[in-house]
Protein backbone atom coordinates (compact mmCIF):
# COMPACT_ATOMS: atom_id res chain seq x y z
CA MET A 1 0.00 0.00 0.00
CA ASN A 2 2.82 2.41 0.81
CA ARG A 3 4.36 1.92 -2.64
CA MET A 4 1.01 2.54 -4.36
CA ARG A 5 0.52 5.70 -2.32
CA GLN A 6 3.98 6.94 -3.39
CA HIS A 7 3.12 6.23 -7.03
CA VAL A 8 -0.17 8.14 -6.79
CA LEU A 9 1.56 11.10 -5.14
CA LEU A 10 4.24 11.08 -7.84
CA VAL A 11 1.63 11.12 -10.60
CA ILE A 12 -0.24 13.97 -8.91
CA GLY A 13 3.00 15.91 -8.43
CA VAL A 14 4.08 15.51 -12.05
CA THR A 15 0.62 16.51 -13.27
CA LEU A 16 0.56 19.64 -11.11
CA ALA A 17 4.10 20.59 -12.14
CA ALA A 18 3.20 20.24 -15.82
CA MET A 19 0.30 22.64 -15.33
CA TRP A 20 2.68 25.36 -14.13
CA LEU A 21 5.54 24.89 -16.57
CA PRO A 22 6.42 28.10 -18.36
CA ALA A 23 5.00 28.28 -21.87
CA ALA A 24 8.55 28.47 -23.23
CA TRP A 25 9.16 24.93 -21.98
CA THR A 26 6.08 23.44 -23.59
CA ARG A 27 5.72 25.36 -26.85
CA ALA A 28 5.96 23.70 -30.23
CA SER A 29 9.31 23.70 -31.98
CA TRP A 30 10.87 22.64 -35.25
CA ARG A 31 11.58 19.21 -33.73
CA ASP A 32 7.83 18.60 -33.54
CA TYR A 33 7.48 19.01 -37.32
CA ARG A 34 10.78 18.14 -38.98
CA ASP A 35 9.81 14.55 -39.75
CA GLN A 36 6.43 15.40 -41.25
CA PRO A 37 5.94 14.38 -44.88
CA ASP A 38 5.62 17.02 -47.59
CA GLU A 39 1.86 16.45 -47.67
CA TRP A 40 1.63 17.72 -44.10
CA PHE A 41 3.30 21.02 -45.05
CA ARG A 42 0.59 21.40 -47.73
CA SER A 43 -2.18 20.61 -45.23
CA GLU A 44 -4.36 23.19 -43.50
CA GLU A 45 -2.36 22.77 -40.27
CA GLY A 46 1.01 23.04 -42.01
CA ILE A 47 -0.04 26.17 -43.88
CA ARG A 48 -1.50 27.72 -40.70
CA ILE A 49 1.75 27.17 -38.80
CA ALA A 50 3.85 28.51 -41.70
CA GLU A 51 1.68 31.62 -41.87
CA ASN A 52 1.98 32.08 -38.10
CA ILE A 53 5.76 31.88 -38.41
CA LEU A 54 5.82 34.43 -41.23
CA SER A 55 3.76 36.84 -39.13
CA TRP A 56 6.48 36.87 -36.44
CA GLN A 57 9.37 37.67 -38.82
CA SER A 58 10.91 41.05 -38.05
CA THR A 59 11.51 43.64 -40.74
CA ALA A 60 15.22 42.74 -40.50
CA GLY A 61 14.39 39.12 -41.37
CA SER A 62 14.88 37.37 -38.02
CA TRP A 63 12.49 36.06 -35.36
CA PRO A 64 12.28 36.88 -31.62
CA LYS A 65 13.86 34.63 -29.00
CA ASN A 66 11.96 32.66 -26.37
CA THR A 67 8.71 33.19 -28.26
CA ASP A 68 6.22 30.66 -29.59
CA THR A 69 6.03 31.69 -33.24
CA MET A 70 4.13 28.58 -34.33
CA SER A 71 0.92 28.41 -32.29
CA LYS A 72 -0.62 31.76 -33.14
CA ALA A 73 -0.09 34.69 -35.46
CA PHE A 74 1.61 37.88 -34.31
CA THR A 75 -0.93 40.70 -34.03
CA GLY A 76 1.19 43.58 -32.73
CA ALA A 77 3.12 46.30 -34.49
CA LEU A 78 5.64 44.70 -36.86
CA GLY A 79 8.20 47.42 -36.14
CA ARG A 80 8.30 46.35 -32.47
CA LEU A 81 9.53 42.83 -33.22
CA ARG A 82 13.17 42.33 -32.26
CA GLY A 83 14.64 39.23 -33.79
CA THR A 84 17.96 37.54 -33.10
CA PHE A 85 19.89 34.31 -33.59
CA ASP A 86 20.35 34.03 -29.82
CA ASN A 87 18.73 31.23 -27.77
CA GLY A 88 17.54 29.24 -30.74
CA ALA A 89 15.69 32.13 -32.33
CA THR A 90 15.43 32.23 -36.13
CA VAL A 91 17.15 28.90 -36.85
CA ASP A 92 14.04 26.74 -36.24
CA GLN A 93 11.88 29.17 -38.20
CA LEU A 94 14.35 29.07 -41.10
CA ARG A 95 14.24 25.28 -41.07
CA PHE A 96 10.45 25.26 -41.06
CA VAL A 97 9.94 27.78 -43.86
CA ALA A 98 12.63 26.11 -46.00
CA ARG A 99 10.84 22.80 -45.61
CA ALA A 100 7.47 24.44 -46.27
CA PHE A 101 8.82 26.06 -49.44
CA GLY A 102 10.23 22.74 -50.67
CA ALA A 103 6.88 21.06 -50.10
CA THR A 104 4.61 23.81 -51.44
CA GLY A 105 6.64 25.98 -53.79
CA ASN A 106 5.08 29.02 -52.07
CA GLU A 107 7.35 31.93 -52.93
CA ARG A 108 6.45 33.76 -49.71
CA TYR A 109 8.17 30.98 -47.76
CA GLU A 110 11.22 31.23 -49.99
CA GLN A 111 11.38 35.01 -49.54
CA ALA A 112 11.02 34.68 -45.76
CA PHE A 113 13.85 32.16 -45.71
CA LEU A 114 16.11 34.38 -47.80
CA ARG A 115 15.38 37.44 -45.64
CA GLY A 116 16.19 35.42 -42.53
CA LEU A 117 19.37 34.07 -44.06
CA ASP A 118 20.45 37.56 -45.11
CA HIS A 119 19.92 38.78 -41.57
């Protein structure tokens, strides 16, 4: 009985901890999508995520750090975005849009990739 009680308490503890994890620890990343087939990048979900990523690209061509750029579109003032290559910023987005361009041929994805690479 004591062992079962410990197991139950562990499960409760892990569940509660997961509820309070910072969003930065649980957000989607390139790793979640890199193995998707080309068809997925042409799907409604793939296109939605690609469009979300494009919306977060700064005027300089980079993306902000420690920010979930995949789950929702950026709705603020574009001029306020400050992108960087620090802390994993920009690299995952470049990987995603390059893959999306290869799968779809959408020139907007190619242009976003080139702007990011130029940055």
